[in-house]
Amino acid sequence: SQRGQASVDRLESWYSNAIQIHTPIHASWLNQVEIYFSVLQRKVRTPNYFESLEELETKILAFQAIYEETAQGKTFRVEIHARGLAENAIQI
């Protein structure tokens, strides 16, 4: 099992400098990576023809620069209302 103190102890016995971090099972950080590569594929790799690997690399790096500039300083605000939570809990 990968849960609980036993898994933490096991990991520490194998790798003394490792820290085990559990991510949410339905909202993995990998989803963010998948979203990024999905956007990259739509914006850069279409059409799927490049004269050379250098041309592809140049386009990917240009996209990355624009993506970082656009995303910088963006924050997300999530509002959760207790009433809605209670109603959803009753339905479950």
PDB file of N, CA and C in Angstrom:
ATOM      1  N   SER A   1       0.838  -1.182   0.000  1.00  0.00           N
ATOM      2  CA  SER A   1       0.000   0.000   0.000  1.00  0.00           C
ATOM      3  C   SER A   1       0.884   1.248   0.000  1.00  0.00           C
ATOM      4  N   GLN A   2       0.396   2.306  -0.575  1.00  0.00           N
ATOM      5  CA  GLN A   2       1.129   3.570  -0.624  1.00  0.00           C
ATOM      6  C   GLN A   2       0.531   4.606   0.315  1.00  0.00           C
ATOM      7  N   ARG A   3      -0.233   4.155   1.285  1.00  0.00           N
ATOM      8  CA  ARG A   3      -0.889   5.093   2.192  1.00  0.00           C
ATOM      9  C   ARG A   3      -0.453   4.831   3.617  1.00  0.00           C
ATOM     10  N   GLY A   4      -0.573   5.849   4.425  1.00  0.00           N
ATOM     11  CA  GLY A   4      -0.334   5.689   5.851  1.00  0.00           C
ATOM     12  C   GLY A   4       1.128   5.776   6.240  1.00  0.00           C
ATOM     13  N   GLN A   5       1.350   5.654   7.535  1.00  0.00           N
ATOM     14  CA  GLN A   5       2.690   5.795   8.089  1.00  0.00           C
ATOM     15  C   GLN A   5       3.625   4.694   7.614  1.00  0.00           C
ATOM     16  N   ALA A   6       3.099   3.500   7.373  1.00  0.00           N
ATOM     17  CA  ALA A   6       3.956   2.400   6.920  1.00  0.00           C
ATOM     18  C   ALA A   6       4.641   2.746   5.603  1.00  0.00           C
ATOM     19  N   SER A   7       3.914   3.373   4.695  1.00  0.00           N
ATOM     20  CA  SER A   7       4.524   3.727   3.410  1.00  0.00           C
ATOM     21  C   SER A   7       5.560   4.840   3.585  1.00  0.00           C
ATOM     22  N   VAL A   8       5.307   5.766   4.501  1.00  0.00           N
ATOM     23  CA  VAL A   8       6.275   6.831   4.786  1.00  0.00           C
ATOM     24  C   VAL A   8       7.549   6.217   5.351  1.00  0.00           C
ATOM     25  N   ASP A   9       7.406   5.315   6.316  1.00  0.00           N
ATOM     26  CA  ASP A   9       8.564   4.654   6.927  1.00  0.00           C
ATOM     27  C   ASP A   9       9.344   3.845   5.897  1.00  0.00           C
ATOM     28  N   ARG A  10       8.632   3.142   5.025  1.00  0.00           N
ATOM     29  CA  ARG A  10       9.281   2.322   4.000  1.00  0.00           C
ATOM     30  C   ARG A  10      10.101   3.208   3.058  1.00  0.00           C
ATOM     31  N   LEU A  11       9.521   4.304   2.617  1.00  0.00           N
ATOM     32  CA  LEU A  11      10.227   5.204   1.713  1.00  0.00           C
ATOM     33  C   LEU A  11      11.459   5.795   2.388  1.00  0.00           C
ATOM     34  N   GLU A  12      11.320   6.207   3.639  1.00  0.00           N
ATOM     35  CA  GLU A  12      12.458   6.776   4.365  1.00  0.00           C
ATOM     36  C   GLU A  12      13.573   5.758   4.577  1.00  0.00           C
ATOM     37  N   SER A  13      13.213   4.482   4.718  1.00  0.00           N
ATOM     38  CA  SER A  13      14.252   3.463   4.890  1.00  0.00           C
ATOM     39  C   SER A  13      15.020   3.233   3.586  1.00  0.00           C
ATOM     40  N   TRP A  14      14.364   3.446   2.458  1.00  0.00           N
ATOM     41  CA  TRP A  14      15.021   3.275   1.153  1.00  0.00           C
ATOM     42  C   TRP A  14      15.809   4.517   0.747  1.00  0.00           C
ATOM     43  N   TYR A  15      15.215   5.687   0.976  1.00  0.00           N
ATOM     44  CA  TYR A  15      15.817   6.955   0.548  1.00  0.00           C
ATOM     45  C   TYR A  15      15.688   7.956   1.693  1.00  0.00           C
ATOM     46  N   SER A  16      16.781   8.211   2.386  1.00  0.00           N
ATOM     47  CA  SER A  16      16.718   9.059   3.583  1.00  0.00           C
ATOM     48  C   SER A  16      16.357  10.511   3.277  1.00  0.00           C
ATOM     49  N   ASN A  17      16.580  10.954   2.057  1.00  0.00           N
ATOM     50  CA  ASN A  17      16.288  12.351   1.728  1.00  0.00           C
ATOM     51  C   ASN A  17      14.958  12.530   0.994  1.00  0.00           C
ATOM     52  N   ALA A  18      14.181  11.479   0.855  1.00  0.00           N
ATOM     53  CA  ALA A  18      12.903  11.555   0.137  1.00  0.00           C
ATOM     54  C   ALA A  18      11.774  11.929   1.089  1.00  0.00           C
ATOM     55  N   ILE A  19      10.834  12.685   0.550  1.00  0.00           N
ATOM     56  CA  ILE A  19       9.647  13.064   1.307  1.00  0.00           C
ATOM     57  C   ILE A  19       8.434  12.604   0.513  1.00  0.00           C
ATOM     58  N   GLN A  20       7.579  11.854   1.138  1.00  0.00           N
ATOM     59  CA  GLN A  20       6.391  11.356   0.453  1.00  0.00           C
ATOM     60  C   GLN A  20       5.276  12.387   0.546  1.00  0.00           C
ATOM     61  N   ILE A  21       4.716  12.712  -0.601  1.00  0.00           N
ATOM     62  CA  ILE A  21       3.622  13.671  -0.664  1.00  0.00           C
ATOM     63  C   ILE A  21       2.471  13.012  -1.398  1.00  0.00           C
ATOM     64  N   HIS A  22       1.323  12.974  -0.760  1.00  0.00           N
ATOM     65  CA  HIS A  22       0.145  12.397  -1.396  1.00  0.00           C
ATOM     66  C   HIS A  22      -0.615  13.496  -2.121  1.00  0.00           C
ATOM     67  N   THR A  23      -0.868  13.267  -3.393  1.00  0.00           N
ATOM     68  CA  THR A  23      -1.665  14.221  -4.161  1.00  0.00           C
ATOM     69  C   THR A  23      -3.113  13.755  -4.160  1.00  0.00           C
ATOM     70  N   PRO A  24      -4.039  14.665  -4.365  1.00  0.00           N
ATOM     71  CA  PRO A  24      -5.446  14.261  -4.427  1.00  0.00           C
ATOM     72  C   PRO A  24      -5.657  13.266  -5.569  1.00  0.00           C
ATOM     73  N   ILE A  25      -6.446  12.244  -5.334  1.00  0.00           N
ATOM     74  CA  ILE A  25      -6.592  11.198  -6.345  1.00  0.00           C
ATOM     75  C   ILE A  25      -7.398  11.646  -7.551  1.00  0.00           C
ATOM     76  N   HIS A  26      -8.250  12.642  -7.400  1.00  0.00           N
ATOM     77  CA  HIS A  26      -9.063  13.084  -8.528  1.00  0.00           C
ATOM     78  C   HIS A  26      -8.587  14.400  -9.120  1.00  0.00           C
ATOM     79  N   ALA A  27      -7.539  14.988  -8.574  1.00  0.00           N
ATOM     80  CA  ALA A  27      -7.046  16.263  -9.084  1.00  0.00           C
ATOM     81  C   ALA A  27      -5.523  16.262  -9.056  1.00  0.00           C
ATOM     82  N   SER A  28      -4.950  15.316  -9.713  1.00  0.00           N
ATOM     83  CA  SER A  28      -3.512  15.156  -9.709  1.00  0.00           C
ATOM     84  C   SER A  28      -2.826  16.347 -10.360  1.00  0.00           C
ATOM     85  N   TRP A  29      -1.618  16.658  -9.889  1.00  0.00           N
ATOM     86  CA  TRP A  29      -0.837  17.721 -10.525  1.00  0.00           C
ATOM     87  C   TRP A  29      -0.506  17.347 -11.953  1.00  0.00           C
ATOM     88  N   LEU A  30      -0.529  16.059 -12.262  1.00  0.00           N
ATOM     89  CA  LEU A  30      -0.258  15.641 -13.636  1.00  0.00           C
ATOM     90  C   LEU A  30      -1.315  16.158 -14.596  1.00  0.00           C
ATOM     91  N   ASN A  31      -2.524  16.396 -14.102  1.00  0.00           N
ATOM     92  CA  ASN A  31      -3.556  16.952 -14.969  1.00  0.00           C
ATOM     93  C   ASN A  31      -3.099  18.281 -15.552  1.00  0.00           C
ATOM     94  N   GLN A  32      -2.361  19.076 -14.772  1.00  0.00           N
ATOM     95  CA  GLN A  32      -1.860  20.354 -15.265  1.00  0.00           C
ATOM     96  C   GLN A  32      -0.863  20.146 -16.396  1.00  0.00           C
ATOM     97  N   VAL A  33      -0.025  19.130 -16.271  1.00  0.00           N
ATOM     98  CA  VAL A  33       0.938  18.813 -17.324  1.00  0.00           C
ATOM     99  C   VAL A  33       0.201  18.363 -18.575  1.00  0.00           C
ATOM    100  N   GLU A  34      -0.817  17.544 -18.400  1.00  0.00           N
ATOM    101  CA  GLU A  34      -1.600  17.078 -19.540  1.00  0.00           C
ATOM    102  C   GLU A  34      -2.281  18.242 -20.249  1.00  0.00           C
ATOM    103  N   ILE A  35      -2.789  19.199 -19.492  1.00  0.00           N
ATOM    104  CA  ILE A  35      -3.430  20.375 -20.082  1.00  0.00           C
ATOM    105  C   ILE A  35      -2.408  21.169 -20.886  1.00  0.00           C
ATOM    106  N   TYR A  36      -1.232  21.374 -20.314  1.00  0.00           N
ATOM    107  CA  TYR A  36      -0.186  22.136 -21.009  1.00  0.00           C
ATOM    108  C   TYR A  36       0.164  21.478 -22.343  1.00  0.00           C
ATOM    109  N   PHE A  37       0.404  20.170 -22.333  1.00  0.00           N
ATOM    110  CA  PHE A  37       0.789  19.498 -23.572  1.00  0.00           C
ATOM    111  C   PHE A  37      -0.359  19.449 -24.571  1.00  0.00           C
ATOM    112  N   SER A  38      -1.573  19.427 -24.095  1.00  0.00           N
ATOM    113  CA  SER A  38      -2.724  19.490 -24.992  1.00  0.00           C
ATOM    114  C   SER A  38      -2.755  20.833 -25.717  1.00  0.00           C
ATOM    115  N   VAL A  39      -2.535  21.914 -24.977  1.00  0.00           N
ATOM    116  CA  VAL A  39      -2.499  23.248 -25.586  1.00  0.00           C
ATOM    117  C   VAL A  39      -1.309  23.348 -26.535  1.00  0.00           C
ATOM    118  N   LEU A  40      -0.162  22.849 -26.110  1.00  0.00           N
ATOM    119  CA  LEU A  40       1.035  22.860 -26.954  1.00  0.00           C
ATOM    120  C   LEU A  40       0.777  22.146 -28.274  1.00  0.00           C
ATOM    121  N   GLN A  41       0.141  21.004 -28.210  1.00  0.00           N
ATOM    122  CA  GLN A  41      -0.130  20.244 -29.429  1.00  0.00           C
ATOM    123  C   GLN A  41      -1.063  21.017 -30.360  1.00  0.00           C
ATOM    124  N   ARG A  42      -2.102  21.635 -29.807  1.00  0.00           N
ATOM    125  CA  ARG A  42      -3.055  22.380 -30.645  1.00  0.00           C
ATOM    126  C   ARG A  42      -2.442  23.635 -31.242  1.00  0.00           C
ATOM    127  N   LYS A  43      -1.636  24.344 -30.453  1.00  0.00           N
ATOM    128  CA  LYS A  43      -1.121  25.643 -30.892  1.00  0.00           C
ATOM    129  C   LYS A  43       0.166  25.551 -31.700  1.00  0.00           C
ATOM    130  N   VAL A  44       1.003  24.552 -31.426  1.00  0.00           N
ATOM    131  CA  VAL A  44       2.321  24.490 -32.055  1.00  0.00           C
ATOM    132  C   VAL A  44       2.423  23.368 -33.074  1.00  0.00           C
ATOM    133  N   ARG A  45       1.931  22.213 -32.738  1.00  0.00           N
ATOM    134  CA  ARG A  45       2.145  21.053 -33.597  1.00  0.00           C
ATOM    135  C   ARG A  45       1.139  20.931 -34.724  1.00  0.00           C
ATOM    136  N   THR A  46       0.231  21.862 -34.850  1.00  0.00           N
ATOM    137  CA  THR A  46      -0.741  21.805 -35.936  1.00  0.00           C
ATOM    138  C   THR A  46      -0.469  22.980 -36.857  1.00  0.00           C
ATOM    139  N   PRO A  47      -0.147  22.822 -38.106  1.00  0.00           N
ATOM    140  CA  PRO A  47      -0.040  21.554 -38.819  1.00  0.00           C
ATOM    141  C   PRO A  47       1.208  20.784 -38.380  1.00  0.00           C
ATOM    142  N   ASN A  48       1.175  19.516 -38.572  1.00  0.00           N
ATOM    143  CA  ASN A  48       2.223  18.634 -38.072  1.00  0.00           C
ATOM    144  C   ASN A  48       3.325  18.446 -39.116  1.00  0.00           C
ATOM    145  N   TYR A  49       3.877  19.550 -39.580  1.00  0.00           N
ATOM    146  CA  TYR A  49       4.970  19.478 -40.545  1.00  0.00           C
ATOM    147  C   TYR A  49       5.993  20.560 -40.224  1.00  0.00           C
ATOM    148  N   PHE A  50       7.239  20.157 -40.084  1.00  0.00           N
ATOM    149  CA  PHE A  50       8.329  21.088 -39.817  1.00  0.00           C
ATOM    150  C   PHE A  50       9.508  20.696 -40.688  1.00  0.00           C
ATOM    151  N   GLU A  51      10.239  21.692 -41.148  1.00  0.00           N
ATOM    152  CA  GLU A  51      11.403  21.446 -42.004  1.00  0.00           C
ATOM    153  C   GLU A  51      12.497  20.693 -41.253  1.00  0.00           C
ATOM    154  N   SER A  52      12.602  20.947 -39.944  1.00  0.00           N
ATOM    155  CA  SER A  52      13.670  20.327 -39.162  1.00  0.00           C
ATOM    156  C   SER A  52      13.272  20.282 -37.694  1.00  0.00           C
ATOM    157  N   LEU A  53      14.045  19.531 -36.925  1.00  0.00           N
ATOM    158  CA  LEU A  53      13.827  19.497 -35.479  1.00  0.00           C
ATOM    159  C   LEU A  53      14.128  20.860 -34.860  1.00  0.00           C
ATOM    160  N   GLU A  54      15.077  21.580 -35.445  1.00  0.00           N
ATOM    161  CA  GLU A  54      15.409  22.913 -34.945  1.00  0.00           C
ATOM    162  C   GLU A  54      14.217  23.855 -35.088  1.00  0.00           C
ATOM    163  N   GLU A  55      13.487  23.752 -36.209  1.00  0.00           N
ATOM    164  CA  GLU A  55      12.299  24.585 -36.403  1.00  0.00           C
ATOM    165  C   GLU A  55      11.239  24.260 -35.347  1.00  0.00           C
ATOM    166  N   LEU A  56      11.040  22.971 -35.098  1.00  0.00           N
ATOM    167  CA  LEU A  56      10.081  22.555 -34.069  1.00  0.00           C
ATOM    168  C   LEU A  56      10.514  23.074 -32.698  1.00  0.00           C
ATOM    169  N   GLU A  57      11.793  22.933 -32.396  1.00  0.00           N
ATOM    170  CA  GLU A  57      12.308  23.414 -31.112  1.00  0.00           C
ATOM    171  C   GLU A  57      12.088  24.921 -30.959  1.00  0.00           C
ATOM    172  N   THR A  58      12.358  25.670 -32.010  1.00  0.00           N
ATOM    173  CA  THR A  58      12.172  27.123 -31.978  1.00  0.00           C
ATOM    174  C   THR A  58      10.720  27.480 -31.698  1.00  0.00           C
ATOM    175  N   LYS A  59       9.803  26.787 -32.358  1.00  0.00           N
ATOM    176  CA  LYS A  59       8.377  27.072 -32.162  1.00  0.00           C
ATOM    177  C   LYS A  59       7.925  26.703 -30.753  1.00  0.00           C
ATOM    178  N   ILE A  60       8.414  25.590 -30.236  1.00  0.00           N
ATOM    179  CA  ILE A  60       8.046  25.179 -28.877  1.00  0.00           C
ATOM    180  C   ILE A  60       8.571  26.189 -27.855  1.00  0.00           C
ATOM    181  N   LEU A  61       9.819  26.626 -28.019  1.00  0.00           N
ATOM    182  CA  LEU A  61      10.390  27.590 -27.077  1.00  0.00           C
ATOM    183  C   LEU A  61       9.680  28.941 -27.158  1.00  0.00           C
ATOM    184  N   ALA A  62       9.282  29.350 -28.355  1.00  0.00           N
ATOM    185  CA  ALA A  62       8.528  30.599 -28.499  1.00  0.00           C
ATOM    186  C   ALA A  62       7.173  30.480 -27.812  1.00  0.00           C
ATOM    187  N   PHE A  63       6.522  29.330 -27.998  1.00  0.00           N
ATOM    188  CA  PHE A  63       5.243  29.095 -27.327  1.00  0.00           C
ATOM    189  C   PHE A  63       5.418  29.145 -25.816  1.00  0.00           C
ATOM    190  N   GLN A  64       6.482  28.516 -25.318  1.00  0.00           N
ATOM    191  CA  GLN A  64       6.735  28.482 -23.876  1.00  0.00           C
ATOM    192  C   GLN A  64       6.901  29.894 -23.322  1.00  0.00           C
ATOM    193  N   ALA A  65       7.614  30.735 -24.030  1.00  0.00           N
ATOM    194  CA  ALA A  65       7.821  32.113 -23.572  1.00  0.00           C
ATOM    195  C   ALA A  65       6.493  32.866 -23.493  1.00  0.00           C
ATOM    196  N   ILE A  66       5.660  32.720 -24.506  1.00  0.00           N
ATOM    197  CA  ILE A  66       4.347  33.381 -24.511  1.00  0.00           C
ATOM    198  C   ILE A  66       3.465  32.816 -23.402  1.00  0.00           C
ATOM    199  N   TYR A  67       3.496  31.498 -23.235  1.00  0.00           N
ATOM    200  CA  TYR A  67       2.678  30.832 -22.218  1.00  0.00           C
ATOM    201  C   TYR A  67       3.057  31.322 -20.827  1.00  0.00           C
ATOM    202  N   GLU A  68       4.363  31.401 -20.553  1.00  0.00           N
ATOM    203  CA  GLU A  68       4.813  31.860 -19.237  1.00  0.00           C
ATOM    204  C   GLU A  68       4.424  33.311 -18.990  1.00  0.00           C
ATOM    205  N   GLU A  69       4.548  34.152 -20.016  1.00  0.00           N
ATOM    206  CA  GLU A  69       4.185  35.563 -19.870  1.00  0.00           C
ATOM    207  C   GLU A  69       2.689  35.717 -19.611  1.00  0.00           C
ATOM    208  N   THR A  70       1.896  34.935 -20.304  1.00  0.00           N
ATOM    209  CA  THR A  70       0.447  35.001 -20.153  1.00  0.00           C
ATOM    210  C   THR A  70       0.009  34.497 -18.780  1.00  0.00           C
ATOM    211  N   ALA A  71       0.644  33.438 -18.313  1.00  0.00           N
ATOM    212  CA  ALA A  71       0.236  32.809 -17.056  1.00  0.00           C
ATOM    213  C   ALA A  71       0.777  33.531 -15.829  1.00  0.00           C
ATOM    214  N   GLN A  72       1.807  34.343 -15.989  1.00  0.00           N
ATOM    215  CA  GLN A  72       2.435  34.983 -14.833  1.00  0.00           C
ATOM    216  C   GLN A  72       1.467  35.930 -14.139  1.00  0.00           C
ATOM    217  N   GLY A  73       1.398  35.786 -12.834  1.00  0.00           N
ATOM    218  CA  GLY A  73       0.553  36.660 -12.039  1.00  0.00           C
ATOM    219  C   GLY A  73      -0.911  36.261 -12.010  1.00  0.00           C
ATOM    220  N   LYS A  74      -1.260  35.202 -12.682  1.00  0.00           N
ATOM    221  CA  LYS A  74      -2.651  34.755 -12.677  1.00  0.00           C
ATOM    222  C   LYS A  74      -2.907  33.968 -11.403  1.00  0.00           C
ATOM    223  N   THR A  75      -4.011  34.249 -10.776  1.00  0.00           N
ATOM    224  CA  THR A  75      -4.420  33.483  -9.607  1.00  0.00           C
ATOM    225  C   THR A  75      -5.836  32.986  -9.833  1.00  0.00           C
ATOM    226  N   PHE A  76      -6.155  31.937  -9.166  1.00  0.00           N
ATOM    227  CA  PHE A  76      -7.481  31.364  -9.284  1.00  0.00           C
ATOM    228  C   PHE A  76      -8.191  31.513  -7.949  1.00  0.00           C
ATOM    229  N   ARG A  77      -9.422  31.911  -8.005  1.00  0.00           N
ATOM    230  CA  ARG A  77     -10.217  32.079  -6.793  1.00  0.00           C
ATOM    231  C   ARG A  77     -11.335  31.054  -6.825  1.00  0.00           C
ATOM    232  N   VAL A  78     -11.389  30.267  -5.799  1.00  0.00           N
ATOM    233  CA  VAL A  78     -12.413  29.239  -5.698  1.00  0.00           C
ATOM    234  C   VAL A  78     -13.318  29.594  -4.535  1.00  0.00           C
ATOM    235  N   GLU A  79     -14.596  29.632  -4.798  1.00  0.00           N
ATOM    236  CA  GLU A  79     -15.558  29.910  -3.739  1.00  0.00           C
ATOM    237  C   GLU A  79     -16.379  28.654  -3.480  1.00  0.00           C
ATOM    238  N   ILE A  80     -16.450  28.284  -2.234  1.00  0.00           N
ATOM    239  CA  ILE A  80     -17.253  27.137  -1.838  1.00  0.00           C
ATOM    240  C   ILE A  80     -18.265  27.633  -0.815  1.00  0.00           C
ATOM    241  N   HIS A  81     -19.498  27.399  -1.089  1.00  0.00           N
ATOM    242  CA  HIS A  81     -20.548  27.848  -0.186  1.00  0.00           C
ATOM    243  C   HIS A  81     -21.041  26.664   0.645  1.00  0.00           C
ATOM    244  N   ALA A  82     -21.129  26.868   1.942  1.00  0.00           N
ATOM    245  CA  ALA A  82     -21.520  25.799   2.859  1.00  0.00           C
ATOM    246  C   ALA A  82     -22.883  25.223   2.504  1.00  0.00           C
ATOM    247  N   ARG A  83     -23.799  26.058   2.083  1.00  0.00           N
ATOM    248  CA  ARG A  83     -25.141  25.574   1.753  1.00  0.00           C
ATOM    249  C   ARG A  83     -25.078  24.569   0.600  1.00  0.00           C
ATOM    250  N   GLY A  84     -24.331  24.890  -0.423  1.00  0.00           N
ATOM    251  CA  GLY A  84     -24.189  23.980  -1.556  1.00  0.00           C
ATOM    252  C   GLY A  84     -23.527  22.673  -1.161  1.00  0.00           C
ATOM    253  N   LEU A  85     -22.543  22.745  -0.268  1.00  0.00           N
ATOM    254  CA  LEU A  85     -21.889  21.525   0.200  1.00  0.00           C
ATOM    255  C   LEU A  85     -22.868  20.639   0.945  1.00  0.00           C
ATOM    256  N   ALA A  86     -23.669  21.248   1.799  1.00  0.00           N
ATOM    257  CA  ALA A  86     -24.640  20.475   2.572  1.00  0.00           C
ATOM    258  C   ALA A  86     -25.659  19.816   1.647  1.00  0.00           C
ATOM    259  N   GLU A  87     -26.128  20.544   0.643  1.00  0.00           N
ATOM    260  CA  GLU A  87     -27.097  19.975  -0.292  1.00  0.00           C
ATOM    261  C   GLU A  87     -26.492  18.811  -1.072  1.00  0.00           C
ATOM    262  N   ASN A  88     -25.246  18.966  -1.499  1.00  0.00           N
ATOM    263  CA  ASN A  88     -24.584  17.887  -2.225  1.00  0.00           C
ATOM    264  C   ASN A  88     -24.339  16.682  -1.330  1.00  0.00           C
ATOM    265  N   ALA A  89     -23.993  16.919  -0.083  1.00  0.00           N
ATOM    266  CA  ALA A  89     -23.750  15.819   0.848  1.00  0.00           C
ATOM    267  C   ALA A  89     -25.022  15.015   1.079  1.00  0.00           C
ATOM    268  N   ILE A  90     -26.150  15.700   1.138  1.00  0.00           N
ATOM    269  CA  ILE A  90     -27.423  15.004   1.332  1.00  0.00           C
ATOM    270  C   ILE A  90     -27.718  14.108   0.134  1.00  0.00           C
ATOM    271  N   GLN A  91     -27.415  14.573  -1.064  1.00  0.00           N
ATOM    272  CA  GLN A  91     -27.661  13.792  -2.275  1.00  0.00           C
ATOM    273  C   GLN A  91     -26.784  12.556  -2.336  1.00  0.00           C
ATOM    274  N   ILE A  92     -25.597  12.647  -1.778  1.00  0.00           N
ATOM    275  CA  ILE A  92     -24.684  11.502  -1.800  1.00  0.00           C
ATOM    276  C   ILE A  92     -25.197  10.454  -0.857  1.00  0.00           C
TER     277      ILE A  92
END
